[in-house]
Amino acid sequence: MNWITAVDYRGRLGRQAAARSLRAFGKVAHHSGELVIGAVSDGRPTAPFGSQGARAAVNAAMEVMLAHAMPLGSAAVDEDFDRASRMMREVLDEVARAVNREAVNQVASVPMFDATLVAFLA
């Protein structure tokens, strides 16, 4: 059974009534009963669009890792680190493209979308 879950952390700051993004976003997917694939990201607090950068990074990373899910499963069993390394380079490339697209869409500079990213499979 396959499933995907997503988390978008929100909270209230100070006495403000409106919920504000805390800039963190994550997704975890269970694939073919073999792999758990996930990514979490936290937008840099001083980056005006850090929450959008976090969301773009996670979505891009998950898209690439899910596309490679079956080869990743065998790579983990076979200890084929070259295949896994190539996939992670592709993750980084796609994340960079996704953040650049966000910047173009918002007519903003890429550093305004700064976020960390942790991607994993188990």
N, C-alpha and C. Protein backbone atom coordinates (compact mmCIF):
# COMPACT_ATOMS: atom_id res chain seq x y z
N MET A 1 0.83 -1.17 0.00
CA MET A 1 0.00 0.00 0.00
C MET A 1 0.88 1.24 0.00
N ASN A 2 0.59 2.18 -0.88
CA ASN A 2 1.32 3.45 -0.95
C ASN A 2 0.51 4.54 -0.26
N TRP A 3 1.18 5.47 0.38
CA TRP A 3 0.52 6.63 0.97
C TRP A 3 1.50 7.79 1.05
N ILE A 4 0.96 8.99 1.10
CA ILE A 4 1.76 10.21 1.25
C ILE A 4 1.05 11.09 2.28
N THR A 5 1.81 11.70 3.15
CA THR A 5 1.27 12.65 4.11
C THR A 5 2.11 13.92 4.06
N ALA A 6 1.49 15.04 4.34
CA ALA A 6 2.20 16.33 4.33
C ALA A 6 1.89 17.08 5.62
N VAL A 7 2.85 17.90 6.04
CA VAL A 7 2.69 18.71 7.25
C VAL A 7 3.09 20.13 6.91
N ASP A 8 2.24 21.07 7.28
CA ASP A 8 2.53 22.49 7.13
C ASP A 8 2.30 23.11 8.49
N TYR A 9 3.38 23.45 9.18
CA TYR A 9 3.28 23.94 10.55
C TYR A 9 2.79 25.38 10.56
N ARG A 10 1.76 25.63 11.35
CA ARG A 10 1.22 26.98 11.48
C ARG A 10 0.96 27.25 12.95
N GLY A 11 0.99 28.51 13.30
CA GLY A 11 0.74 28.88 14.68
C GLY A 11 0.40 30.35 14.78
N ARG A 12 0.11 30.79 15.96
CA ARG A 12 -0.20 32.20 16.21
C ARG A 12 0.99 32.83 16.91
N LEU A 13 1.33 34.01 16.47
CA LEU A 13 2.47 34.72 17.05
C LEU A 13 1.96 35.93 17.84
N GLY A 14 2.38 36.03 19.07
CA GLY A 14 1.99 37.17 19.89
C GLY A 14 0.49 37.27 20.03
N ARG A 15 0.00 38.48 19.94
CA ARG A 15 -1.43 38.71 20.11
C ARG A 15 -2.16 38.79 18.78
N GLN A 16 -1.48 38.45 17.71
CA GLN A 16 -2.10 38.53 16.39
C GLN A 16 -3.18 37.47 16.26
N ALA A 17 -4.26 37.84 15.64
CA ALA A 17 -5.37 36.91 15.48
C ALA A 17 -5.20 35.99 14.28
N ALA A 18 -4.49 36.45 13.27
CA ALA A 18 -4.34 35.64 12.04
C ALA A 18 -3.21 34.63 12.21
N ALA A 19 -3.45 33.43 11.73
CA ALA A 19 -2.40 32.40 11.75
C ALA A 19 -1.31 32.79 10.78
N ARG A 20 -0.06 32.58 11.17
CA ARG A 20 1.07 32.90 10.31
C ARG A 20 1.91 31.65 10.12
N SER A 21 2.45 31.51 8.95
CA SER A 21 3.29 30.36 8.67
C SER A 21 4.55 30.42 9.52
N LEU A 22 4.94 29.28 10.07
CA LEU A 22 6.19 29.20 10.80
C LEU A 22 7.31 28.71 9.90
N ARG A 23 7.05 28.67 8.60
CA ARG A 23 8.05 28.42 7.56
C ARG A 23 8.50 26.98 7.42
N ALA A 24 7.91 26.05 8.13
CA ALA A 24 8.34 24.65 8.03
C ALA A 24 7.32 23.85 7.22
N PHE A 25 7.83 22.92 6.43
CA PHE A 25 6.97 22.08 5.60
C PHE A 25 7.62 20.72 5.46
N GLY A 26 6.83 19.67 5.40
CA GLY A 26 7.40 18.34 5.24
C GLY A 26 6.41 17.38 4.62
N LYS A 27 6.95 16.33 4.00
CA LYS A 27 6.15 15.25 3.43
C LYS A 27 6.86 13.93 3.69
N VAL A 28 6.05 12.89 3.89
CA VAL A 28 6.57 11.53 4.04
C VAL A 28 5.69 10.63 3.19
N ALA A 29 6.30 9.70 2.46
CA ALA A 29 5.56 8.75 1.63
C ALA A 29 6.02 7.33 1.93
N HIS A 30 5.07 6.42 1.92
CA HIS A 30 5.37 5.00 2.06
C HIS A 30 5.14 4.40 0.69
N HIS A 31 6.15 3.73 0.15
CA HIS A 31 6.07 3.27 -1.23
C HIS A 31 6.27 1.76 -1.32
N SER A 32 5.31 1.08 -1.89
CA SER A 32 5.38 -0.35 -2.22
C SER A 32 5.77 -1.23 -1.03
N GLY A 33 5.45 -0.82 0.16
CA GLY A 33 5.74 -1.63 1.32
C GLY A 33 7.21 -1.77 1.63
N GLU A 34 8.08 -1.09 0.86
CA GLU A 34 9.51 -1.25 1.04
C GLU A 34 10.20 0.00 1.57
N LEU A 35 9.80 1.15 1.07
CA LEU A 35 10.53 2.38 1.36
C LEU A 35 9.66 3.41 2.05
N VAL A 36 10.28 4.16 2.93
CA VAL A 36 9.69 5.38 3.46
C VAL A 36 10.57 6.50 2.94
N ILE A 37 9.97 7.44 2.22
CA ILE A 37 10.69 8.54 1.59
C ILE A 37 10.15 9.82 2.19
N GLY A 38 11.05 10.74 2.55
CA GLY A 38 10.57 11.97 3.15
C GLY A 38 11.48 13.15 2.91
N ALA A 39 10.92 14.32 3.13
CA ALA A 39 11.68 15.56 3.05
C ALA A 39 11.05 16.56 4.00
N VAL A 40 11.89 17.29 4.70
CA VAL A 40 11.44 18.38 5.57
C VAL A 40 12.29 19.61 5.27
N SER A 41 11.67 20.76 5.37
CA SER A 41 12.37 22.00 5.07
C SER A 41 11.88 23.09 6.00
N ASP A 42 12.78 24.01 6.31
CA ASP A 42 12.45 25.13 7.17
C ASP A 42 12.96 26.40 6.51
N GLY A 43 12.07 27.32 6.22
CA GLY A 43 12.47 28.59 5.61
C GLY A 43 13.28 29.42 6.58
N ARG A 44 14.30 30.09 6.05
CA ARG A 44 15.13 30.95 6.89
C ARG A 44 14.26 32.08 7.43
N PRO A 45 14.32 32.34 8.74
CA PRO A 45 13.44 33.35 9.34
C PRO A 45 13.54 34.74 8.71
N THR A 46 14.70 35.11 8.22
CA THR A 46 14.84 36.44 7.62
C THR A 46 14.54 36.46 6.13
N ALA A 47 14.20 35.32 5.56
CA ALA A 47 13.85 35.26 4.13
C ALA A 47 12.36 35.56 3.98
N PRO A 48 11.99 36.62 3.28
CA PRO A 48 10.58 37.00 3.17
C PRO A 48 9.69 35.90 2.59
N PHE A 49 10.24 35.06 1.71
CA PHE A 49 9.46 33.99 1.10
C PHE A 49 10.00 32.63 1.51
N GLY A 50 10.55 32.53 2.72
CA GLY A 50 11.13 31.28 3.20
C GLY A 50 10.14 30.13 3.24
N SER A 51 8.88 30.40 3.60
CA SER A 51 7.90 29.31 3.65
C SER A 51 7.61 28.78 2.25
N GLN A 52 7.55 29.67 1.24
CA GLN A 52 7.36 29.21 -0.14
C GLN A 52 8.58 28.43 -0.63
N GLY A 53 9.77 28.88 -0.23
CA GLY A 53 10.98 28.14 -0.58
C GLY A 53 10.99 26.76 0.03
N ALA A 54 10.56 26.65 1.29
CA ALA A 54 10.49 25.36 1.96
C ALA A 54 9.53 24.42 1.25
N ARG A 55 8.36 24.92 0.92
CA ARG A 55 7.34 24.10 0.23
C ARG A 55 7.85 23.66 -1.15
N ALA A 56 8.45 24.58 -1.90
CA ALA A 56 8.97 24.24 -3.23
C ALA A 56 10.07 23.19 -3.13
N ALA A 57 10.95 23.33 -2.16
CA ALA A 57 12.05 22.39 -1.99
C ALA A 57 11.54 20.99 -1.67
N VAL A 58 10.60 20.89 -0.74
CA VAL A 58 10.06 19.59 -0.35
C VAL A 58 9.32 18.95 -1.52
N ASN A 59 8.46 19.71 -2.18
CA ASN A 59 7.69 19.13 -3.30
C ASN A 59 8.61 18.65 -4.41
N ALA A 60 9.64 19.42 -4.74
CA ALA A 60 10.57 19.01 -5.80
C ALA A 60 11.36 17.77 -5.38
N ALA A 61 11.85 17.75 -4.16
CA ALA A 61 12.62 16.59 -3.68
C ALA A 61 11.76 15.33 -3.69
N MET A 62 10.54 15.44 -3.21
CA MET A 62 9.66 14.27 -3.16
C MET A 62 9.32 13.78 -4.57
N GLU A 63 9.10 14.70 -5.49
CA GLU A 63 8.78 14.32 -6.87
C GLU A 63 9.90 13.46 -7.46
N VAL A 64 11.13 13.90 -7.30
CA VAL A 64 12.28 13.16 -7.85
C VAL A 64 12.44 11.81 -7.12
N MET A 65 12.38 11.83 -5.80
CA MET A 65 12.61 10.58 -5.06
C MET A 65 11.51 9.56 -5.33
N LEU A 66 10.26 10.00 -5.46
CA LEU A 66 9.18 9.06 -5.77
C LEU A 66 9.32 8.51 -7.18
N ALA A 67 9.80 9.34 -8.11
CA ALA A 67 10.02 8.85 -9.48
C ALA A 67 11.09 7.77 -9.53
N HIS A 68 12.02 7.82 -8.57
CA HIS A 68 13.11 6.85 -8.52
C HIS A 68 12.90 5.78 -7.44
N ALA A 69 11.70 5.67 -6.94
CA ALA A 69 11.45 4.81 -5.78
C ALA A 69 11.88 3.36 -5.99
N MET A 70 11.54 2.76 -7.11
CA MET A 70 11.91 1.35 -7.30
C MET A 70 13.42 1.18 -7.45
N PRO A 71 14.10 1.97 -8.28
CA PRO A 71 15.56 1.84 -8.33
C PRO A 71 16.22 2.11 -6.97
N LEU A 72 15.63 3.01 -6.19
CA LEU A 72 16.20 3.29 -4.87
C LEU A 72 16.11 2.08 -3.97
N GLY A 73 14.99 1.36 -4.04
CA GLY A 73 14.83 0.17 -3.21
C GLY A 73 15.92 -0.85 -3.50
N SER A 74 16.16 -1.11 -4.75
CA SER A 74 17.21 -2.08 -5.09
C SER A 74 18.59 -1.51 -4.82
N ALA A 75 18.76 -0.19 -4.94
CA ALA A 75 20.06 0.41 -4.65
C ALA A 75 20.40 0.23 -3.18
N ALA A 76 19.40 0.38 -2.32
CA ALA A 76 19.66 0.22 -0.89
C ALA A 76 20.04 -1.22 -0.57
N VAL A 77 19.37 -2.17 -1.21
CA VAL A 77 19.67 -3.58 -0.95
C VAL A 77 21.01 -3.96 -1.54
N ASP A 78 21.29 -3.50 -2.76
CA ASP A 78 22.52 -3.86 -3.45
C ASP A 78 23.71 -3.00 -3.02
N GLU A 79 23.47 -2.02 -2.18
CA GLU A 79 24.50 -1.07 -1.78
C GLU A 79 25.11 -0.38 -3.00
N ASP A 80 24.26 -0.03 -3.95
CA ASP A 80 24.68 0.69 -5.14
C ASP A 80 24.62 2.18 -4.85
N PHE A 81 25.67 2.67 -4.21
CA PHE A 81 25.68 4.06 -3.77
C PHE A 81 25.80 5.02 -4.94
N ASP A 82 26.36 4.57 -6.07
CA ASP A 82 26.46 5.45 -7.24
C ASP A 82 25.06 5.83 -7.73
N ARG A 83 24.17 4.85 -7.78
CA ARG A 83 22.79 5.13 -8.22
C ARG A 83 22.10 6.08 -7.26
N ALA A 84 22.27 5.84 -5.97
CA ALA A 84 21.66 6.71 -4.97
C ALA A 84 22.26 8.11 -5.03
N SER A 85 23.57 8.21 -5.26
CA SER A 85 24.22 9.52 -5.37
C SER A 85 23.71 10.29 -6.58
N ARG A 86 23.53 9.60 -7.70
CA ARG A 86 23.00 10.26 -8.89
C ARG A 86 21.60 10.80 -8.63
N MET A 87 20.78 10.00 -7.93
CA MET A 87 19.44 10.42 -7.62
C MET A 87 19.46 11.66 -6.72
N MET A 88 20.34 11.69 -5.73
CA MET A 88 20.41 12.85 -4.84
C MET A 88 20.89 14.10 -5.57
N ARG A 89 21.81 13.93 -6.53
CA ARG A 89 22.22 15.08 -7.35
C ARG A 89 21.03 15.61 -8.15
N GLU A 90 20.22 14.69 -8.66
CA GLU A 90 19.02 15.08 -9.40
C GLU A 90 18.04 15.81 -8.47
N VAL A 91 17.93 15.35 -7.23
CA VAL A 91 17.08 16.03 -6.24
C VAL A 91 17.55 17.47 -6.08
N LEU A 92 18.84 17.66 -5.87
CA LEU A 92 19.37 19.01 -5.67
C LEU A 92 19.13 19.89 -6.89
N ASP A 93 19.34 19.34 -8.09
CA ASP A 93 19.12 20.10 -9.32
C ASP A 93 17.65 20.51 -9.45
N GLU A 94 16.74 19.59 -9.18
CA GLU A 94 15.32 19.89 -9.30
C GLU A 94 14.86 20.88 -8.24
N VAL A 95 15.40 20.77 -7.03
CA VAL A 95 15.07 21.74 -5.98
C VAL A 95 15.52 23.14 -6.40
N ALA A 96 16.72 23.25 -6.95
CA ALA A 96 17.20 24.56 -7.41
C ALA A 96 16.29 25.12 -8.50
N ARG A 97 15.86 24.27 -9.44
CA ARG A 97 14.95 24.74 -10.49
C ARG A 97 13.61 25.19 -9.90
N ALA A 98 13.10 24.44 -8.93
CA ALA A 98 11.81 24.77 -8.33
C ALA A 98 11.87 26.10 -7.58
N VAL A 99 12.94 26.32 -6.82
CA VAL A 99 13.08 27.58 -6.09
C VAL A 99 13.26 28.74 -7.07
N ASN A 100 14.01 28.52 -8.13
CA ASN A 100 14.16 29.56 -9.16
C ASN A 100 12.82 29.91 -9.80
N ARG A 101 11.98 28.89 -10.07
CA ARG A 101 10.65 29.14 -10.63
C ARG A 101 9.81 29.99 -9.67
N GLU A 102 9.88 29.66 -8.37
CA GLU A 102 9.15 30.44 -7.37
C GLU A 102 9.61 31.89 -7.39
N ALA A 103 10.91 32.09 -7.47
CA ALA A 103 11.45 33.46 -7.49
C ALA A 103 10.95 34.23 -8.72
N VAL A 104 10.96 33.58 -9.87
CA VAL A 104 10.47 34.22 -11.09
C VAL A 104 8.98 34.55 -10.95
N ASN A 105 8.20 33.59 -10.42
CA ASN A 105 6.76 33.82 -10.25
C ASN A 105 6.46 34.97 -9.30
N GLN A 106 7.27 35.14 -8.28
CA GLN A 106 7.05 36.20 -7.28
C GLN A 106 7.81 37.49 -7.64
N VAL A 107 8.55 37.47 -8.74
CA VAL A 107 9.40 38.59 -9.15
C VAL A 107 10.27 39.02 -7.95
N ALA A 108 11.02 38.04 -7.46
CA ALA A 108 11.88 38.25 -6.29
C ALA A 108 13.20 37.54 -6.54
N SER A 109 14.19 37.85 -5.71
CA SER A 109 15.49 37.19 -5.85
C SER A 109 15.48 35.86 -5.11
N VAL A 110 16.27 34.93 -5.60
CA VAL A 110 16.32 33.58 -5.04
C VAL A 110 16.64 33.58 -3.54
N PRO A 111 17.58 34.40 -3.04
CA PRO A 111 17.86 34.38 -1.59
C PRO A 111 16.65 34.70 -0.72
N MET A 112 15.63 35.33 -1.29
CA MET A 112 14.43 35.62 -0.52
C MET A 112 13.62 34.36 -0.21
N PHE A 113 14.02 33.22 -0.82
CA PHE A 113 13.33 31.94 -0.64
C PHE A 113 14.20 30.94 0.14
N ASP A 114 15.25 31.40 0.78
CA ASP A 114 16.20 30.52 1.48
C ASP A 114 15.49 29.57 2.45
N ALA A 115 15.88 28.32 2.38
CA ALA A 115 15.33 27.30 3.28
C ALA A 115 16.31 26.14 3.37
N THR A 116 16.26 25.45 4.49
CA THR A 116 17.04 24.21 4.63
C THR A 116 16.25 23.08 3.99
N LEU A 117 16.90 21.96 3.73
CA LEU A 117 16.21 20.78 3.23
C LEU A 117 16.91 19.54 3.75
N VAL A 118 16.11 18.63 4.31
CA VAL A 118 16.60 17.31 4.68
C VAL A 118 15.74 16.31 3.94
N ALA A 119 16.34 15.49 3.10
CA ALA A 119 15.62 14.47 2.34
C ALA A 119 16.15 13.11 2.78
N PHE A 120 15.26 12.11 2.89
CA PHE A 120 15.70 10.81 3.39
C PHE A 120 14.88 9.68 2.79
N LEU A 121 15.45 8.50 2.88
CA LEU A 121 14.72 7.27 2.55
C LEU A 121 15.17 6.21 3.53
N ALA A 122 14.25 5.35 3.86
CA ALA A 122 14.55 4.28 4.81
C ALA A 122 13.80 3.02 4.41
